Amino acid sequence: MGDERSERGFSMLELMVVVTIIMIIAGMTIVALQPTLQQNRAYAGLTQVRNALRQGREAAISSRRTVQVQFFTGAPCLANAACVVLTRLDPPGNVPTVILTLTVEGSVQYQLFAAEIDTPDGFGNAAPIVFGGVAGGPPTMEFQSDGSFTDGNGNPINGSIFMGVNNVKSSACAVTILGGTGRVHAYRYPSGKWVY
């Protein structure tokens, strides 16, 4: 009988080829999914801002106090991060109470993309944040105890906050506030059309 050797398993070369093919496919999948991952981050940021604003409105109604809303990029939040701060304005002589400081999902910024149209609410898109027709909004914006959203003089103001991930147009999204009622709506812009 001759020298019989049973061959079992794979040679090192075969194993390296299989691992290389798997790595190439995994790399292609990651690259292909990047826009979807960025879009999901933007939608997470959209949900955070919408919920924060709804929380501010509910806090104003339930505490029967005015809740001031401020939008920041950077301080008092993390550097270069979009941020929402809600402050309950207590009776004169009392220190205002910060009820929420929200740093929006990591890569999401307040921004408009080229050729991005206004939301169906039509409150303006001259800047990433527009309230009462003012880019960036008036100096004071607040929810009142009746739920309305007003400027510092008590005048109801409508507005929009546009967000997204840099260089990923499909991540565009927006939150709008109807001044008279303080109702907050969230919109996505995945394919050049606003979706509620």
C-alpha atoms as a PDB file:
ATOM      1  CA  MET A   1       0.000   0.000   0.000  1.00  0.00           C
ATOM      2  CA  GLY A   2       1.247   3.401  -0.870  1.00  0.00           C
ATOM      3  CA  ASP A   3       1.520   6.436   1.266  1.00  0.00           C
ATOM      4  CA  GLU A   4      -2.085   7.442   1.935  1.00  0.00           C
ATOM      5  CA  ARG A   5      -2.607  10.806   3.481  1.00  0.00           C
ATOM      6  CA  SER A   6      -6.058  12.082   4.056  1.00  0.00           C
ATOM      7  CA  GLU A   7      -6.319  15.756   3.421  1.00  0.00           C
ATOM      8  CA  ARG A   8      -8.356  17.546   6.008  1.00  0.00           C
ATOM      9  CA  GLY A   9      -9.109  21.243   6.458  1.00  0.00           C
ATOM     10  CA  PHE A  10      -7.887  24.130   4.394  1.00  0.00           C
ATOM     11  CA  SER A  11      -4.433  25.183   3.455  1.00  0.00           C
ATOM     12  CA  MET A  12      -3.172  28.482   4.828  1.00  0.00           C
ATOM     13  CA  LEU A  13      -3.411  30.024   1.340  1.00  0.00           C
ATOM     14  CA  GLU A  14      -7.055  29.006   0.943  1.00  0.00           C
ATOM     15  CA  LEU A  15      -7.881  30.415   4.361  1.00  0.00           C
ATOM     16  CA  MET A  16      -6.175  33.733   3.553  1.00  0.00           C
ATOM     17  CA  VAL A  17      -8.112  34.042   0.277  1.00  0.00           C
ATOM     18  CA  VAL A  18     -11.436  33.448   2.056  1.00  0.00           C
ATOM     19  CA  VAL A  19     -10.609  35.963   4.812  1.00  0.00           C
ATOM     20  CA  THR A  20      -9.559  38.553   2.207  1.00  0.00           C
ATOM     21  CA  ILE A  21     -12.822  38.110   0.284  1.00  0.00           C
ATOM     22  CA  ILE A  22     -14.842  38.479   3.514  1.00  0.00           C
ATOM     23  CA  MET A  23     -12.940  41.668   4.415  1.00  0.00           C
ATOM     24  CA  ILE A  24     -13.520  43.161   0.963  1.00  0.00           C
ATOM     25  CA  ILE A  25     -17.257  42.427   1.136  1.00  0.00           C
ATOM     26  CA  ALA A  26     -17.461  43.847   4.684  1.00  0.00           C
ATOM     27  CA  GLY A  27     -15.634  47.005   3.590  1.00  0.00           C
ATOM     28  CA  MET A  28     -17.945  47.491   0.624  1.00  0.00           C
ATOM     29  CA  THR A  29     -20.974  47.003   2.867  1.00  0.00           C
ATOM     30  CA  ILE A  30     -19.744  49.581   5.372  1.00  0.00           C
ATOM     31  CA  VAL A  31     -19.103  52.138   2.623  1.00  0.00           C
ATOM     32  CA  ALA A  32     -22.519  51.474   1.089  1.00  0.00           C
ATOM     33  CA  LEU A  33     -24.267  51.850   4.454  1.00  0.00           C
ATOM     34  CA  GLN A  34     -22.531  55.116   5.472  1.00  0.00           C
ATOM     35  CA  PRO A  35     -25.275  57.425   4.100  1.00  0.00           C
ATOM     36  CA  THR A  36     -27.933  55.316   5.819  1.00  0.00           C
ATOM     37  CA  LEU A  37     -26.027  55.418   9.111  1.00  0.00           C
ATOM     38  CA  GLN A  38     -25.636  59.207   8.832  1.00  0.00           C
ATOM     39  CA  GLN A  39     -29.326  59.532   7.988  1.00  0.00           C
ATOM     40  CA  ASN A  40     -30.244  57.484  11.069  1.00  0.00           C
ATOM     41  CA  ARG A  41     -28.026  59.730  13.236  1.00  0.00           C
ATOM     42  CA  ALA A  42     -29.798  62.800  11.875  1.00  0.00           C
ATOM     43  CA  TYR A  43     -33.199  61.279  12.589  1.00  0.00           C
ATOM     44  CA  ALA A  44     -32.065  60.470  16.135  1.00  0.00           C
ATOM     45  CA  GLY A  45     -31.044  64.135  16.525  1.00  0.00           C
ATOM     46  CA  LEU A  46     -34.389  65.223  15.079  1.00  0.00           C
ATOM     47  CA  THR A  47     -36.209  63.105  17.650  1.00  0.00           C
ATOM     48  CA  GLN A  48     -34.076  64.525  20.470  1.00  0.00           C
ATOM     49  CA  VAL A  49     -34.824  68.150  19.525  1.00  0.00           C
ATOM     50  CA  ARG A  50     -38.533  67.478  18.951  1.00  0.00           C
ATOM     51  CA  ASN A  51     -38.836  65.740  22.321  1.00  0.00           C
ATOM     52  CA  ALA A  52     -36.886  68.492  24.117  1.00  0.00           C
ATOM     53  CA  LEU A  53     -39.191  71.168  22.712  1.00  0.00           C
ATOM     54  CA  ARG A  54     -42.264  69.159  23.630  1.00  0.00           C
ATOM     55  CA  GLN A  55     -40.817  68.739  27.129  1.00  0.00           C
ATOM     56  CA  GLY A  56     -40.348  72.521  27.364  1.00  0.00           C
ATOM     57  CA  ARG A  57     -43.937  73.144  26.321  1.00  0.00           C
ATOM     58  CA  GLU A  58     -45.290  70.589  28.806  1.00  0.00           C
ATOM     59  CA  ALA A  59     -43.110  72.013  31.602  1.00  0.00           C
ATOM     60  CA  ALA A  60     -44.488  75.505  30.923  1.00  0.00           C
ATOM     61  CA  ILE A  61     -48.067  74.257  31.025  1.00  0.00           C
ATOM     62  CA  SER A  62     -47.695  71.996  34.074  1.00  0.00           C
ATOM     63  CA  SER A  63     -45.672  74.454  36.184  1.00  0.00           C
ATOM     64  CA  ARG A  64     -47.650  77.513  34.972  1.00  0.00           C
ATOM     65  CA  ARG A  65     -44.341  79.218  34.326  1.00  0.00           C
ATOM     66  CA  THR A  66     -42.553  80.538  31.260  1.00  0.00           C
ATOM     67  CA  VAL A  67     -39.871  78.227  29.821  1.00  0.00           C
ATOM     68  CA  GLN A  68     -37.163  79.927  27.786  1.00  0.00           C
ATOM     69  CA  VAL A  69     -35.693  78.038  24.815  1.00  0.00           C
ATOM     70  CA  GLN A  70     -32.158  78.670  23.550  1.00  0.00           C
ATOM     71  CA  PHE A  71     -30.291  77.062  20.662  1.00  0.00           C
ATOM     72  CA  PHE A  72     -26.496  76.943  20.757  1.00  0.00           C
ATOM     73  CA  THR A  73     -23.611  75.531  18.783  1.00  0.00           C
ATOM     74  CA  GLY A  74     -20.799  74.869  21.243  1.00  0.00           C
ATOM     75  CA  ALA A  75     -20.800  76.442  24.722  1.00  0.00           C
ATOM     76  CA  PRO A  76     -22.533  75.748  27.078  1.00  0.00           C
ATOM     77  CA  CYS A  77     -22.539  72.306  25.460  1.00  0.00           C
ATOM     78  CA  LEU A  78     -19.707  70.354  23.873  1.00  0.00           C
ATOM     79  CA  ALA A  79     -17.508  72.147  21.344  1.00  0.00           C
ATOM     80  CA  ASN A  80     -19.086  72.337  17.872  1.00  0.00           C
ATOM     81  CA  ALA A  81     -22.163  70.420  19.066  1.00  0.00           C
ATOM     82  CA  ALA A  82     -25.745  71.524  18.448  1.00  0.00           C
ATOM     83  CA  CYS A  83     -27.458  72.140  21.751  1.00  0.00           C
ATOM     84  CA  VAL A  84     -30.887  73.050  23.202  1.00  0.00           C
ATOM     85  CA  VAL A  85     -31.243  74.616  26.658  1.00  0.00           C
ATOM     86  CA  LEU A  86     -34.607  74.915  28.448  1.00  0.00           C
ATOM     87  CA  THR A  87     -34.828  77.277  31.428  1.00  0.00           C
ATOM     88  CA  ARG A  88     -37.891  77.724  33.637  1.00  0.00           C
ATOM     89  CA  LEU A  89     -38.298  81.402  34.542  1.00  0.00           C
ATOM     90  CA  ASP A  90     -39.499  81.443  38.143  1.00  0.00           C
ATOM     91  CA  PRO A  91     -41.148  84.454  39.831  1.00  0.00           C
ATOM     92  CA  PRO A  92     -39.035  87.613  40.142  1.00  0.00           C
ATOM     93  CA  GLY A  93     -36.382  87.343  42.820  1.00  0.00           C
ATOM     94  CA  ASN A  94     -35.894  83.596  42.211  1.00  0.00           C
ATOM     95  CA  VAL A  95     -33.042  82.103  40.231  1.00  0.00           C
ATOM     96  CA  PRO A  96     -34.173  80.657  36.869  1.00  0.00           C
ATOM     97  CA  THR A  97     -34.021  76.843  36.801  1.00  0.00           C
ATOM     98  CA  VAL A  98     -32.316  75.055  33.906  1.00  0.00           C
ATOM     99  CA  ILE A  99     -34.538  72.045  33.301  1.00  0.00           C
ATOM    100  CA  LEU A 100     -32.695  70.589  30.304  1.00  0.00           C
ATOM    101  CA  THR A 101     -29.380  70.978  28.525  1.00  0.00           C
ATOM    102  CA  LEU A 102     -29.461  68.697  25.501  1.00  0.00           C
ATOM    103  CA  THR A 103     -26.435  68.031  23.332  1.00  0.00           C
ATOM    104  CA  VAL A 104     -27.809  66.777  20.021  1.00  0.00           C
ATOM    105  CA  GLU A 105     -26.604  63.476  18.524  1.00  0.00           C
ATOM    106  CA  GLY A 106     -22.864  63.691  17.761  1.00  0.00           C
ATOM    107  CA  SER A 107     -22.535  64.611  14.087  1.00  0.00           C
ATOM    108  CA  VAL A 108     -25.863  66.444  13.693  1.00  0.00           C
ATOM    109  CA  GLN A 109     -25.598  70.217  13.220  1.00  0.00           C
ATOM    110  CA  TYR A 110     -28.030  73.089  12.723  1.00  0.00           C
ATOM    111  CA  GLN A 111     -27.722  73.596   8.979  1.00  0.00           C
ATOM    112  CA  LEU A 112     -29.431  74.011   5.625  1.00  0.00           C
ATOM    113  CA  PHE A 113     -28.385  72.156   2.498  1.00  0.00           C
ATOM    114  CA  ALA A 114     -28.162  73.752  -0.951  1.00  0.00           C
ATOM    115  CA  ALA A 115     -31.544  73.907  -2.699  1.00  0.00           C
ATOM    116  CA  GLU A 116     -33.373  72.654   0.410  1.00  0.00           C
ATOM    117  CA  ILE A 117     -36.929  73.959   0.244  1.00  0.00           C
ATOM    118  CA  ASP A 118     -38.938  75.250   3.195  1.00  0.00           C
ATOM    119  CA  THR A 119     -41.025  72.821   5.250  1.00  0.00           C
ATOM    120  CA  PRO A 120     -44.739  72.403   4.454  1.00  0.00           C
ATOM    121  CA  ASP A 121     -45.456  74.740   7.405  1.00  0.00           C
ATOM    122  CA  GLY A 122     -43.705  77.536   5.459  1.00  0.00           C
ATOM    123  CA  PHE A 123     -42.167  79.368   8.434  1.00  0.00           C
ATOM    124  CA  GLY A 124     -39.023  80.305   6.487  1.00  0.00           C
ATOM    125  CA  ASN A 125     -35.647  78.839   5.613  1.00  0.00           C
ATOM    126  CA  ALA A 126     -33.369  81.881   5.435  1.00  0.00           C
ATOM    127  CA  ALA A 127     -31.094  80.291   8.056  1.00  0.00           C
ATOM    128  CA  PRO A 128     -30.792  76.998   9.960  1.00  0.00           C
ATOM    129  CA  ILE A 129     -32.849  78.534  12.782  1.00  0.00           C
ATOM    130  CA  VAL A 130     -35.626  80.974  11.854  1.00  0.00           C
ATOM    131  CA  PHE A 131     -38.305  82.265  14.241  1.00  0.00           C
ATOM    132  CA  GLY A 132     -40.663  85.146  13.610  1.00  0.00           C
ATOM    133  CA  GLY A 133     -38.898  85.758  10.290  1.00  0.00           C
ATOM    134  CA  VAL A 134     -35.611  86.431  12.144  1.00  0.00           C
ATOM    135  CA  ALA A 135     -32.522  84.367  11.278  1.00  0.00           C
ATOM    136  CA  GLY A 136     -31.373  82.766  14.519  1.00  0.00           C
ATOM    137  CA  GLY A 137     -34.623  83.860  16.144  1.00  0.00           C
ATOM    138  CA  PRO A 138     -35.334  86.850  18.390  1.00  0.00           C
ATOM    139  CA  PRO A 139     -33.139  87.271  21.504  1.00  0.00           C
ATOM    140  CA  THR A 140     -35.839  85.738  23.715  1.00  0.00           C
ATOM    141  CA  MET A 141     -37.970  82.733  22.720  1.00  0.00           C
ATOM    142  CA  GLU A 142     -40.203  81.010  25.243  1.00  0.00           C
ATOM    143  CA  PHE A 143     -43.116  78.692  25.881  1.00  0.00           C
ATOM    144  CA  GLN A 144     -45.876  80.330  27.906  1.00  0.00           C
ATOM    145  CA  SER A 145     -48.097  78.647  30.505  1.00  0.00           C
ATOM    146  CA  ASP A 146     -50.885  78.328  27.902  1.00  0.00           C
ATOM    147  CA  GLY A 147     -48.496  76.351  25.649  1.00  0.00           C
ATOM    148  CA  SER A 148     -47.923  79.110  23.088  1.00  0.00           C
ATOM    149  CA  PHE A 149     -44.431  79.956  21.809  1.00  0.00           C
ATOM    150  CA  THR A 150     -43.586  83.662  21.909  1.00  0.00           C
ATOM    151  CA  ASP A 151     -40.866  86.261  21.624  1.00  0.00           C
ATOM    152  CA  GLY A 152     -39.794  88.341  24.654  1.00  0.00           C
ATOM    153  CA  ASN A 153     -42.788  90.672  24.197  1.00  0.00           C
ATOM    154  CA  GLY A 154     -45.359  87.863  24.335  1.00  0.00           C
ATOM    155  CA  ASN A 155     -46.041  87.858  20.580  1.00  0.00           C
ATOM    156  CA  PRO A 156     -46.584  84.347  19.160  1.00  0.00           C
ATOM    157  CA  ILE A 157     -43.806  83.362  16.760  1.00  0.00           C
ATOM    158  CA  ASN A 158     -43.678  80.507  14.271  1.00  0.00           C
ATOM    159  CA  GLY A 159     -40.333  78.989  13.423  1.00  0.00           C
ATOM    160  CA  SER A 160     -38.169  76.225  12.041  1.00  0.00           C
ATOM    161  CA  ILE A 161     -34.960  74.501  13.085  1.00  0.00           C
ATOM    162  CA  PHE A 162     -33.122  72.794  10.203  1.00  0.00           C
ATOM    163  CA  MET A 163     -30.598  70.038  10.931  1.00  0.00           C
ATOM    164  CA  GLY A 164     -28.491  67.381   9.273  1.00  0.00           C
ATOM    165  CA  VAL A 165     -25.098  65.706   9.014  1.00  0.00           C
ATOM    166  CA  ASN A 166     -22.450  67.635   7.036  1.00  0.00           C
ATOM    167  CA  ASN A 167     -22.268  66.640   3.342  1.00  0.00           C
ATOM    168  CA  VAL A 168     -25.147  64.110   3.620  1.00  0.00           C
ATOM    169  CA  LYS A 169     -28.142  65.819   2.017  1.00  0.00           C
ATOM    170  CA  SER A 170     -30.391  62.804   2.629  1.00  0.00           C
ATOM    171  CA  SER A 171     -29.949  63.453   6.373  1.00  0.00           C
ATOM    172  CA  ALA A 172     -31.758  66.825   6.172  1.00  0.00           C
ATOM    173  CA  CYS A 173     -34.556  67.216   8.692  1.00  0.00           C
ATOM    174  CA  ALA A 174     -36.431  69.996  10.480  1.00  0.00           C
ATOM    175  CA  VAL A 175     -38.511  70.763  13.548  1.00  0.00           C
ATOM    176  CA  THR A 176     -41.195  73.459  13.400  1.00  0.00           C
ATOM    177  CA  ILE A 177     -43.123  75.238  16.147  1.00  0.00           C
ATOM    178  CA  LEU A 178     -46.512  76.884  15.603  1.00  0.00           C
ATOM    179  CA  GLY A 179     -46.432  79.979  17.817  1.00  0.00           C
ATOM    180  CA  GLY A 180     -50.131  80.255  18.682  1.00  0.00           C
ATOM    181  CA  THR A 181     -50.380  76.734  20.084  1.00  0.00           C
ATOM    182  CA  GLY A 182     -46.731  75.761  20.612  1.00  0.00           C
ATOM    183  CA  ARG A 183     -47.301  72.557  18.657  1.00  0.00           C
ATOM    184  CA  VAL A 184     -44.057  70.907  17.554  1.00  0.00           C
ATOM    185  CA  HIS A 185     -43.744  68.978  14.275  1.00  0.00           C
ATOM    186  CA  ALA A 186     -40.814  66.979  12.937  1.00  0.00           C
ATOM    187  CA  TYR A 187     -40.008  66.522   9.240  1.00  0.00           C
ATOM    188  CA  ARG A 188     -37.501  64.419   7.291  1.00  0.00           C
ATOM    189  CA  TYR A 189     -36.173  65.262   3.809  1.00  0.00           C
ATOM    190  CA  PRO A 190     -34.805  61.928   2.537  1.00  0.00           C
ATOM    191  CA  SER A 191     -35.307  62.372  -1.191  1.00  0.00           C
ATOM    192  CA  GLY A 192     -35.915  66.049  -1.868  1.00  0.00           C
ATOM    193  CA  LYS A 193     -39.438  66.053  -0.410  1.00  0.00           C
ATOM    194  CA  TRP A 194     -40.507  66.765   3.172  1.00  0.00           C
ATOM    195  CA  VAL A 195     -42.077  63.812   4.996  1.00  0.00           C
ATOM    196  CA  TYR A 196     -43.986  64.307   8.276  1.00  0.00           C
END
